[in-house]
């Protein structure tokens, strides 16, 4: 399921750092490409552990996280909020 709450430009200024975390590699790749084409710096991860490792090394301005990933996306979001 996909929910659109705002455009990327409303959430993060052009050039902002976006973390995309989804275990669906194709979806992750397409979303990352679209955001990069819009001028954002994008880092993609295909599981929660990788997403958290990337976020720890360079915190994102915005994270787009699949809440139903095998490594719980909800846990990822909770830990990102604590950073």
N, C-alpha and C. Protein backbone atom coordinates (compact mmCIF):
# COMPACT_ATOMS: atom_id res chain seq x y z
N UNK A 1 0.84 -1.16 0.00
CA UNK A 1 0.00 0.00 0.00
C UNK A 1 0.89 1.24 0.00
N UNK A 2 0.49 2.24 -0.78
CA UNK A 2 1.24 3.48 -0.89
C UNK A 2 0.32 4.63 -0.49
N UNK A 3 0.81 5.49 0.35
CA UNK A 3 0.06 6.67 0.76
C UNK A 3 0.86 7.90 0.37
N UNK A 4 0.22 8.82 -0.31
CA UNK A 4 0.88 10.06 -0.70
C UNK A 4 0.36 11.16 0.22
N UNK A 5 1.28 11.75 0.96
CA UNK A 5 0.87 12.80 1.90
C UNK A 5 1.30 14.17 1.43
N UNK A 6 2.28 14.26 0.59
CA UNK A 6 2.76 15.53 0.07
C UNK A 6 3.78 15.24 -1.02
N UNK A 7 4.12 16.26 -1.78
CA UNK A 7 5.18 16.06 -2.75
C UNK A 7 6.52 16.09 -2.02
N UNK A 8 7.53 15.52 -2.65
CA UNK A 8 8.86 15.49 -2.03
C UNK A 8 9.36 16.90 -1.75
N UNK A 9 9.03 17.84 -2.64
CA UNK A 9 9.48 19.22 -2.47
C UNK A 9 8.86 19.86 -1.23
N UNK A 10 7.66 19.41 -0.85
CA UNK A 10 7.02 19.94 0.36
C UNK A 10 7.70 19.43 1.62
N UNK A 11 8.34 18.27 1.54
CA UNK A 11 8.93 17.64 2.72
C UNK A 11 10.40 17.96 2.91
N UNK A 12 11.11 18.07 1.82
CA UNK A 12 12.56 18.30 1.90
C UNK A 12 12.98 19.18 0.73
N UNK A 13 13.80 20.18 0.99
CA UNK A 13 14.23 21.06 -0.10
C UNK A 13 15.08 20.31 -1.12
N UNK A 14 15.10 20.81 -2.35
CA UNK A 14 15.93 20.21 -3.40
C UNK A 14 17.35 20.07 -2.89
N UNK A 15 17.92 18.91 -3.11
CA UNK A 15 19.27 18.63 -2.63
C UNK A 15 19.29 18.01 -1.25
N UNK A 16 18.12 17.91 -0.61
CA UNK A 16 18.06 17.29 0.72
C UNK A 16 18.33 15.80 0.64
N UNK A 17 18.69 15.23 1.76
CA UNK A 17 19.05 13.81 1.83
C UNK A 17 17.81 12.98 2.17
N UNK A 18 17.50 12.01 1.31
CA UNK A 18 16.33 11.15 1.48
C UNK A 18 16.78 9.70 1.61
N UNK A 19 16.29 9.04 2.64
CA UNK A 19 16.54 7.61 2.83
C UNK A 19 15.29 6.87 2.37
N UNK A 20 15.45 5.93 1.45
CA UNK A 20 14.36 5.07 0.99
C UNK A 20 14.67 3.66 1.47
N UNK A 21 13.76 3.09 2.27
CA UNK A 21 13.97 1.74 2.82
C UNK A 21 12.77 0.87 2.48
N UNK A 22 13.01 -0.14 1.65
CA UNK A 22 11.94 -1.05 1.24
C UNK A 22 12.56 -2.37 0.81
N UNK A 23 11.96 -3.48 1.22
CA UNK A 23 12.50 -4.78 0.84
C UNK A 23 12.14 -5.16 -0.59
N UNK A 24 11.24 -4.42 -1.22
CA UNK A 24 10.93 -4.61 -2.63
C UNK A 24 11.99 -3.83 -3.41
N UNK A 25 13.00 -4.54 -3.87
CA UNK A 25 14.15 -3.89 -4.49
C UNK A 25 13.77 -3.06 -5.72
N UNK A 26 12.85 -3.55 -6.52
CA UNK A 26 12.45 -2.82 -7.72
C UNK A 26 11.75 -1.52 -7.34
N UNK A 27 10.83 -1.57 -6.41
CA UNK A 27 10.14 -0.37 -5.96
C UNK A 27 11.14 0.62 -5.36
N UNK A 28 12.04 0.13 -4.55
CA UNK A 28 13.05 0.96 -3.92
C UNK A 28 13.91 1.66 -4.98
N UNK A 29 14.33 0.91 -5.97
CA UNK A 29 15.16 1.44 -7.05
C UNK A 29 14.42 2.53 -7.84
N UNK A 30 13.15 2.29 -8.18
CA UNK A 30 12.36 3.26 -8.95
C UNK A 30 12.10 4.53 -8.15
N UNK A 31 11.75 4.37 -6.89
CA UNK A 31 11.49 5.53 -6.04
C UNK A 31 12.76 6.35 -5.85
N UNK A 32 13.87 5.68 -5.61
CA UNK A 32 15.15 6.37 -5.46
C UNK A 32 15.52 7.12 -6.74
N UNK A 33 15.30 6.51 -7.89
CA UNK A 33 15.61 7.16 -9.17
C UNK A 33 14.75 8.40 -9.39
N UNK A 34 13.46 8.30 -9.06
CA UNK A 34 12.56 9.44 -9.23
C UNK A 34 12.96 10.60 -8.31
N UNK A 35 13.30 10.28 -7.09
CA UNK A 35 13.71 11.32 -6.15
C UNK A 35 15.04 11.95 -6.56
N UNK A 36 15.96 11.14 -7.05
CA UNK A 36 17.25 11.65 -7.52
C UNK A 36 17.04 12.57 -8.74
N UNK A 37 16.14 12.16 -9.63
CA UNK A 37 15.84 12.99 -10.81
C UNK A 37 15.23 14.33 -10.41
N UNK A 38 14.56 14.36 -9.27
CA UNK A 38 13.96 15.60 -8.75
C UNK A 38 14.99 16.46 -8.02
N UNK A 39 16.24 15.99 -7.95
CA UNK A 39 17.31 16.78 -7.37
C UNK A 39 17.66 16.47 -5.93
N UNK A 40 17.17 15.36 -5.41
CA UNK A 40 17.47 15.00 -4.03
C UNK A 40 18.66 14.06 -3.97
N UNK A 41 19.37 14.08 -2.84
CA UNK A 41 20.42 13.11 -2.57
C UNK A 41 19.70 11.89 -1.99
N UNK A 42 19.83 10.74 -2.61
CA UNK A 42 19.06 9.57 -2.19
C UNK A 42 19.98 8.43 -1.80
N UNK A 43 19.64 7.81 -0.68
CA UNK A 43 20.32 6.59 -0.25
C UNK A 43 19.23 5.54 -0.08
N UNK A 44 19.45 4.36 -0.65
CA UNK A 44 18.45 3.30 -0.59
C UNK A 44 18.97 2.13 0.23
N UNK A 45 18.03 1.48 0.93
CA UNK A 45 18.36 0.30 1.72
C UNK A 45 17.23 -0.71 1.54
N UNK A 46 17.59 -1.99 1.49
CA UNK A 46 16.59 -3.03 1.26
C UNK A 46 16.19 -3.79 2.51
N UNK A 47 16.69 -3.35 3.66
CA UNK A 47 16.21 -3.94 4.92
C UNK A 47 16.45 -2.93 6.05
N UNK A 48 15.83 -3.20 7.17
CA UNK A 48 15.88 -2.27 8.28
C UNK A 48 17.27 -2.06 8.84
N UNK A 49 18.06 -3.13 8.93
CA UNK A 49 19.41 -3.01 9.48
C UNK A 49 20.27 -2.09 8.62
N UNK A 50 20.19 -2.26 7.30
CA UNK A 50 20.95 -1.39 6.40
C UNK A 50 20.46 0.06 6.49
N UNK A 51 19.14 0.23 6.58
CA UNK A 51 18.57 1.58 6.68
C UNK A 51 19.11 2.29 7.92
N UNK A 52 19.14 1.60 9.03
CA UNK A 52 19.63 2.20 10.28
C UNK A 52 21.12 2.48 10.21
N UNK A 53 21.89 1.59 9.60
CA UNK A 53 23.33 1.81 9.46
C UNK A 53 23.61 3.05 8.63
N UNK A 54 22.89 3.20 7.53
CA UNK A 54 23.05 4.36 6.66
C UNK A 54 22.66 5.63 7.42
N UNK A 55 21.55 5.58 8.14
CA UNK A 55 21.07 6.76 8.86
C UNK A 55 22.03 7.16 9.97
N UNK A 56 22.65 6.20 10.61
CA UNK A 56 23.61 6.52 11.68
C UNK A 56 24.85 7.22 11.12
N UNK A 57 25.29 6.77 9.95
CA UNK A 57 26.51 7.36 9.37
C UNK A 57 26.25 8.73 8.76
N UNK A 58 25.04 8.95 8.27
CA UNK A 58 24.70 10.24 7.67
C UNK A 58 23.18 10.42 7.75
N UNK A 59 22.71 11.07 8.79
CA UNK A 59 21.27 11.18 9.02
C UNK A 59 20.52 11.83 7.85
N UNK A 60 19.39 11.23 7.46
CA UNK A 60 18.61 11.80 6.36
C UNK A 60 17.73 12.96 6.84
N UNK A 61 17.33 13.80 5.90
CA UNK A 61 16.35 14.84 6.20
C UNK A 61 14.96 14.24 6.26
N UNK A 62 14.74 13.24 5.41
CA UNK A 62 13.45 12.55 5.30
C UNK A 62 13.72 11.07 5.07
N UNK A 63 12.88 10.22 5.66
CA UNK A 63 12.97 8.77 5.42
C UNK A 63 11.64 8.26 4.92
N UNK A 64 11.69 7.48 3.86
CA UNK A 64 10.51 6.80 3.32
C UNK A 64 10.73 5.33 3.63
N UNK A 65 9.92 4.78 4.52
CA UNK A 65 10.17 3.44 5.06
C UNK A 65 8.95 2.55 4.86
N UNK A 66 9.18 1.36 4.33
CA UNK A 66 8.15 0.34 4.21
C UNK A 66 7.91 -0.24 5.61
N UNK A 67 6.74 0.01 6.15
CA UNK A 67 6.45 -0.44 7.52
C UNK A 67 6.31 -1.95 7.63
N UNK A 68 6.12 -2.64 6.50
CA UNK A 68 5.90 -4.09 6.55
C UNK A 68 7.13 -4.89 6.12
N UNK A 69 8.31 -4.27 6.16
CA UNK A 69 9.53 -5.02 5.83
C UNK A 69 9.72 -6.14 6.85
N UNK A 70 10.40 -7.23 6.43
CA UNK A 70 10.67 -8.31 7.38
C UNK A 70 11.38 -7.82 8.66
N UNK A 71 12.39 -6.96 8.49
CA UNK A 71 12.95 -6.28 9.65
C UNK A 71 12.00 -5.11 9.85
N UNK A 72 11.20 -5.15 10.88
CA UNK A 72 10.07 -4.25 11.05
C UNK A 72 10.38 -2.80 10.69
N UNK A 73 9.67 -2.30 9.70
CA UNK A 73 9.79 -0.91 9.32
C UNK A 73 9.38 0.01 10.45
N UNK A 74 8.42 -0.42 11.24
CA UNK A 74 7.98 0.39 12.37
C UNK A 74 9.11 0.54 13.39
N UNK A 75 9.87 -0.52 13.62
CA UNK A 75 11.03 -0.43 14.51
C UNK A 75 12.07 0.53 13.93
N UNK A 76 12.23 0.49 12.63
CA UNK A 76 13.18 1.41 11.96
C UNK A 76 12.74 2.85 12.22
N UNK A 77 11.46 3.13 12.01
CA UNK A 77 10.96 4.48 12.21
C UNK A 77 11.16 4.92 13.66
N UNK A 78 10.87 4.06 14.60
CA UNK A 78 11.06 4.40 16.01
C UNK A 78 12.52 4.75 16.30
N UNK A 79 13.44 3.97 15.75
CA UNK A 79 14.86 4.23 16.00
C UNK A 79 15.33 5.49 15.28
N UNK A 80 14.79 5.76 14.10
CA UNK A 80 15.15 6.98 13.39
C UNK A 80 14.70 8.21 14.19
N UNK A 81 13.54 8.12 14.81
CA UNK A 81 13.05 9.25 15.61
C UNK A 81 13.96 9.54 16.79
N UNK A 82 14.64 8.54 17.31
CA UNK A 82 15.52 8.70 18.46
C UNK A 82 16.88 9.27 18.09
N UNK A 83 17.21 9.29 16.81
CA UNK A 83 18.52 9.78 16.37
C UNK A 83 18.59 11.30 16.42
